[in-house]
Amino acid sequence: MKTFSILKLLVILISTFITSFFLGTKTKNKGYLEGIKQSLILIVIFLIPTIITSNFNLKVFIYYLIILITGSLGSMIGINRKKKD
């Protein structure tokens, strides 16, 4: 069961990073803001069922914070990659 939880987290983080990376390559400036916006949309989608089931705790908060940071980093790397090309 622990392996499935880690795998689920990795899939979400990798997909968030890749999506933010490509979003960052298309933006002109402030890539971190684009990554944060994209991550917040994803967090809101995940937060609705969490609030409905009253399952919000510190572990879930850290999970959402990691998603937000990953999206921001992916977009920042994407915009820096675009400037090198």
N, C-alpha and C. Protein backbone atom coordinates (compact mmCIF):
# COMPACT_ATOMS: atom_id res chain seq x y z
N MET A 1 0.82 -1.19 0.00
CA MET A 1 0.00 0.00 0.00
C MET A 1 0.87 1.25 0.00
N LYS A 2 1.99 1.21 0.69
CA LYS A 2 2.89 2.35 0.75
C LYS A 2 3.50 2.63 -0.63
N THR A 3 3.80 1.57 -1.38
CA THR A 3 4.37 1.72 -2.71
C THR A 3 3.37 2.42 -3.64
N PHE A 4 2.10 2.08 -3.52
CA PHE A 4 1.08 2.70 -4.34
C PHE A 4 0.97 4.19 -4.03
N SER A 5 1.05 4.57 -2.78
CA SER A 5 0.98 5.99 -2.39
C SER A 5 2.16 6.77 -2.96
N ILE A 6 3.34 6.19 -2.89
CA ILE A 6 4.54 6.85 -3.43
C ILE A 6 4.44 6.96 -4.94
N LEU A 7 3.97 5.91 -5.59
CA LEU A 7 3.82 5.92 -7.04
C LEU A 7 2.79 6.95 -7.47
N LYS A 8 1.70 7.05 -6.73
CA LYS A 8 0.67 8.04 -7.03
C LYS A 8 1.23 9.46 -6.92
N LEU A 9 2.00 9.71 -5.88
CA LEU A 9 2.62 11.02 -5.70
C LEU A 9 3.60 11.32 -6.83
N LEU A 10 4.42 10.35 -7.21
CA LEU A 10 5.39 10.55 -8.29
C LEU A 10 4.72 10.85 -9.63
N VAL A 11 3.64 10.16 -9.93
CA VAL A 11 2.94 10.39 -11.19
C VAL A 11 2.38 11.81 -11.24
N ILE A 12 1.78 12.24 -10.16
CA ILE A 12 1.22 13.60 -10.11
C ILE A 12 2.33 14.64 -10.19
N LEU A 13 3.43 14.43 -9.49
CA LEU A 13 4.53 15.39 -9.52
C LEU A 13 5.19 15.46 -10.89
N ILE A 14 5.40 14.32 -11.51
CA ILE A 14 6.03 14.31 -12.84
C ILE A 14 5.11 14.98 -13.87
N SER A 15 3.82 14.68 -13.80
CA SER A 15 2.91 15.30 -14.76
C SER A 15 2.79 16.81 -14.52
N THR A 16 2.79 17.24 -13.27
CA THR A 16 2.75 18.66 -12.96
C THR A 16 4.02 19.35 -13.44
N PHE A 17 5.17 18.72 -13.23
CA PHE A 17 6.43 19.30 -13.67
C PHE A 17 6.48 19.43 -15.19
N ILE A 18 6.10 18.38 -15.90
CA ILE A 18 6.14 18.41 -17.36
C ILE A 18 5.17 19.46 -17.92
N THR A 19 3.96 19.49 -17.38
CA THR A 19 2.99 20.48 -17.83
C THR A 19 3.49 21.90 -17.57
N SER A 20 4.02 22.14 -16.39
CA SER A 20 4.55 23.47 -16.06
C SER A 20 5.77 23.82 -16.90
N PHE A 21 6.59 22.83 -17.20
CA PHE A 21 7.76 23.05 -18.03
C PHE A 21 7.35 23.57 -19.41
N PHE A 22 6.40 22.88 -20.03
CA PHE A 22 5.94 23.32 -21.35
C PHE A 22 5.21 24.65 -21.29
N LEU A 23 4.50 24.90 -20.20
CA LEU A 23 3.85 26.19 -20.00
C LEU A 23 4.90 27.29 -19.87
N GLY A 24 5.99 26.99 -19.18
CA GLY A 24 7.07 27.96 -19.02
C GLY A 24 7.78 28.27 -20.32
N THR A 25 7.88 27.29 -21.23
CA THR A 25 8.53 27.57 -22.51
C THR A 25 7.67 28.46 -23.40
N LYS A 26 6.39 28.54 -23.13
CA LYS A 26 5.50 29.35 -23.95
C LYS A 26 5.27 30.76 -23.39
N THR A 27 5.64 30.98 -22.15
CA THR A 27 5.42 32.29 -21.54
C THR A 27 6.61 33.21 -21.81
N LYS A 28 6.38 34.50 -21.73
CA LYS A 28 7.42 35.47 -22.03
C LYS A 28 8.24 35.85 -20.80
N ASN A 29 7.61 35.98 -19.66
CA ASN A 29 8.34 36.31 -18.43
C ASN A 29 7.57 35.80 -17.21
N LYS A 30 8.22 35.81 -16.08
CA LYS A 30 7.65 35.38 -14.80
C LYS A 30 7.07 33.98 -14.89
N GLY A 31 7.93 33.03 -15.21
CA GLY A 31 7.51 31.65 -15.34
C GLY A 31 6.98 31.06 -14.05
N TYR A 32 7.51 31.52 -12.92
CA TYR A 32 7.05 30.97 -11.65
C TYR A 32 5.58 31.26 -11.41
N LEU A 33 5.09 32.41 -11.88
CA LEU A 33 3.68 32.73 -11.71
C LEU A 33 2.79 31.81 -12.55
N GLU A 34 3.24 31.50 -13.75
CA GLU A 34 2.48 30.58 -14.60
C GLU A 34 2.44 29.20 -13.97
N GLY A 35 3.54 28.76 -13.41
CA GLY A 35 3.58 27.46 -12.74
C GLY A 35 2.70 27.43 -11.51
N ILE A 36 2.69 28.52 -10.76
CA ILE A 36 1.84 28.59 -9.58
C ILE A 36 0.37 28.57 -9.98
N LYS A 37 0.01 29.30 -11.04
CA LYS A 37 -1.39 29.30 -11.50
C LYS A 37 -1.82 27.90 -11.93
N GLN A 38 -0.97 27.22 -12.67
CA GLN A 38 -1.30 25.87 -13.14
C GLN A 38 -1.41 24.92 -11.95
N SER A 39 -0.52 25.04 -11.00
CA SER A 39 -0.56 24.17 -9.82
C SER A 39 -1.79 24.45 -8.96
N LEU A 40 -2.16 25.70 -8.84
CA LEU A 40 -3.34 26.04 -8.04
C LEU A 40 -4.61 25.48 -8.65
N ILE A 41 -4.68 25.47 -9.97
CA ILE A 41 -5.85 24.86 -10.63
C ILE A 41 -5.92 23.38 -10.28
N LEU A 42 -4.79 22.70 -10.33
CA LEU A 42 -4.75 21.28 -9.99
C LEU A 42 -5.09 21.06 -8.52
N ILE A 43 -4.60 21.91 -7.65
CA ILE A 43 -4.87 21.78 -6.21
C ILE A 43 -6.35 21.98 -5.92
N VAL A 44 -6.97 22.94 -6.58
CA VAL A 44 -8.41 23.17 -6.37
C VAL A 44 -9.21 21.94 -6.79
N ILE A 45 -8.80 21.33 -7.91
CA ILE A 45 -9.49 20.12 -8.36
C ILE A 45 -9.35 19.00 -7.33
N PHE A 46 -8.18 18.87 -6.72
CA PHE A 46 -7.97 17.83 -5.70
C PHE A 46 -8.56 18.22 -4.35
N LEU A 47 -8.68 19.51 -4.09
CA LEU A 47 -9.12 19.98 -2.78
C LEU A 47 -10.63 19.79 -2.58
N ILE A 48 -11.39 19.88 -3.64
CA ILE A 48 -12.86 19.75 -3.51
C ILE A 48 -13.26 18.41 -2.89
N PRO A 49 -12.78 17.27 -3.43
CA PRO A 49 -13.16 16.01 -2.77
C PRO A 49 -12.58 15.87 -1.35
N THR A 50 -11.44 16.47 -1.11
CA THR A 50 -10.84 16.40 0.23
C THR A 50 -11.71 17.15 1.24
N ILE A 51 -12.24 18.29 0.85
CA ILE A 51 -13.09 19.06 1.75
C ILE A 51 -14.42 18.34 1.97
N ILE A 52 -14.96 17.75 0.91
CA ILE A 52 -16.24 17.05 1.01
C ILE A 52 -16.13 15.86 1.98
N THR A 53 -15.02 15.14 1.91
CA THR A 53 -14.85 13.97 2.79
C THR A 53 -14.26 14.34 4.15
N SER A 54 -14.01 15.61 4.39
CA SER A 54 -13.44 16.09 5.65
C SER A 54 -12.16 15.34 6.01
N ASN A 55 -11.29 15.22 5.03
CA ASN A 55 -10.07 14.45 5.20
C ASN A 55 -8.82 15.34 5.17
N PHE A 56 -8.98 16.63 5.46
CA PHE A 56 -7.87 17.57 5.37
C PHE A 56 -7.06 17.53 6.65
N ASN A 57 -5.75 17.30 6.53
CA ASN A 57 -4.85 17.30 7.68
C ASN A 57 -3.48 17.81 7.23
N LEU A 58 -2.50 17.76 8.09
CA LEU A 58 -1.18 18.29 7.79
C LEU A 58 -0.52 17.54 6.63
N LYS A 59 -0.72 16.25 6.57
CA LYS A 59 -0.14 15.44 5.50
C LYS A 59 -0.68 15.87 4.13
N VAL A 60 -1.97 16.13 4.05
CA VAL A 60 -2.59 16.58 2.80
C VAL A 60 -2.10 17.98 2.45
N PHE A 61 -1.94 18.85 3.44
CA PHE A 61 -1.43 20.19 3.20
C PHE A 61 -0.02 20.15 2.62
N ILE A 62 0.83 19.31 3.17
CA ILE A 62 2.20 19.16 2.66
C ILE A 62 2.18 18.60 1.24
N TYR A 63 1.28 17.68 0.98
CA TYR A 63 1.11 17.11 -0.36
C TYR A 63 0.78 18.22 -1.38
N TYR A 64 -0.15 19.10 -1.02
CA TYR A 64 -0.51 20.20 -1.92
C TYR A 64 0.63 21.21 -2.05
N LEU A 65 1.35 21.43 -0.99
CA LEU A 65 2.49 22.35 -1.04
C LEU A 65 3.59 21.81 -1.96
N ILE A 66 3.82 20.51 -1.94
CA ILE A 66 4.80 19.90 -2.83
C ILE A 66 4.36 20.04 -4.29
N ILE A 67 3.07 19.88 -4.56
CA ILE A 67 2.56 20.06 -5.92
C ILE A 67 2.78 21.50 -6.37
N LEU A 68 2.52 22.46 -5.49
CA LEU A 68 2.70 23.87 -5.82
C LEU A 68 4.16 24.19 -6.12
N ILE A 69 5.06 23.69 -5.33
CA ILE A 69 6.49 23.94 -5.54
C ILE A 69 6.98 23.28 -6.83
N THR A 70 6.51 22.07 -7.09
CA THR A 70 6.91 21.37 -8.31
C THR A 70 6.44 22.11 -9.56
N GLY A 71 5.23 22.62 -9.54
CA GLY A 71 4.72 23.39 -10.68
C GLY A 71 5.50 24.66 -10.90
N SER A 72 5.83 25.33 -9.83
CA SER A 72 6.60 26.56 -9.94
C SER A 72 8.00 26.29 -10.47
N LEU A 73 8.66 25.27 -9.96
CA LEU A 73 10.00 24.92 -10.43
C LEU A 73 10.00 24.49 -11.90
N GLY A 74 9.02 23.69 -12.28
CA GLY A 74 8.92 23.25 -13.67
C GLY A 74 8.78 24.40 -14.64
N SER A 75 7.97 25.36 -14.27
CA SER A 75 7.77 26.52 -15.13
C SER A 75 9.01 27.41 -15.17
N MET A 76 9.69 27.56 -14.05
CA MET A 76 10.92 28.36 -14.03
C MET A 76 12.01 27.71 -14.88
N ILE A 77 12.13 26.41 -14.81
CA ILE A 77 13.11 25.71 -15.63
C ILE A 77 12.73 25.81 -17.10
N GLY A 78 11.45 25.73 -17.40
CA GLY A 78 10.97 25.84 -18.77
C GLY A 78 11.27 27.19 -19.38
N ILE A 79 11.06 28.27 -18.64
CA ILE A 79 11.34 29.60 -19.19
C ILE A 79 12.83 29.82 -19.34
N ASN A 80 13.64 29.27 -18.45
CA ASN A 80 15.09 29.38 -18.60
C ASN A 80 15.60 28.55 -19.76
N ARG A 81 14.99 27.44 -20.00
CA ARG A 81 15.37 26.58 -21.13
C ARG A 81 15.06 27.28 -22.45
N LYS A 82 13.95 28.01 -22.50
CA LYS A 82 13.56 28.72 -23.71
C LYS A 82 14.56 29.82 -24.02
N LYS A 83 15.05 30.49 -23.02
CA LYS A 83 15.99 31.60 -23.26
C LYS A 83 17.33 31.11 -23.77
N LYS A 84 17.72 29.86 -23.45
CA LYS A 84 18.98 29.33 -23.95
C LYS A 84 18.91 28.97 -25.41
N ASP A 85 17.73 28.56 -25.90
CA ASP A 85 17.59 28.14 -27.29
C ASP A 85 17.61 29.30 -28.25
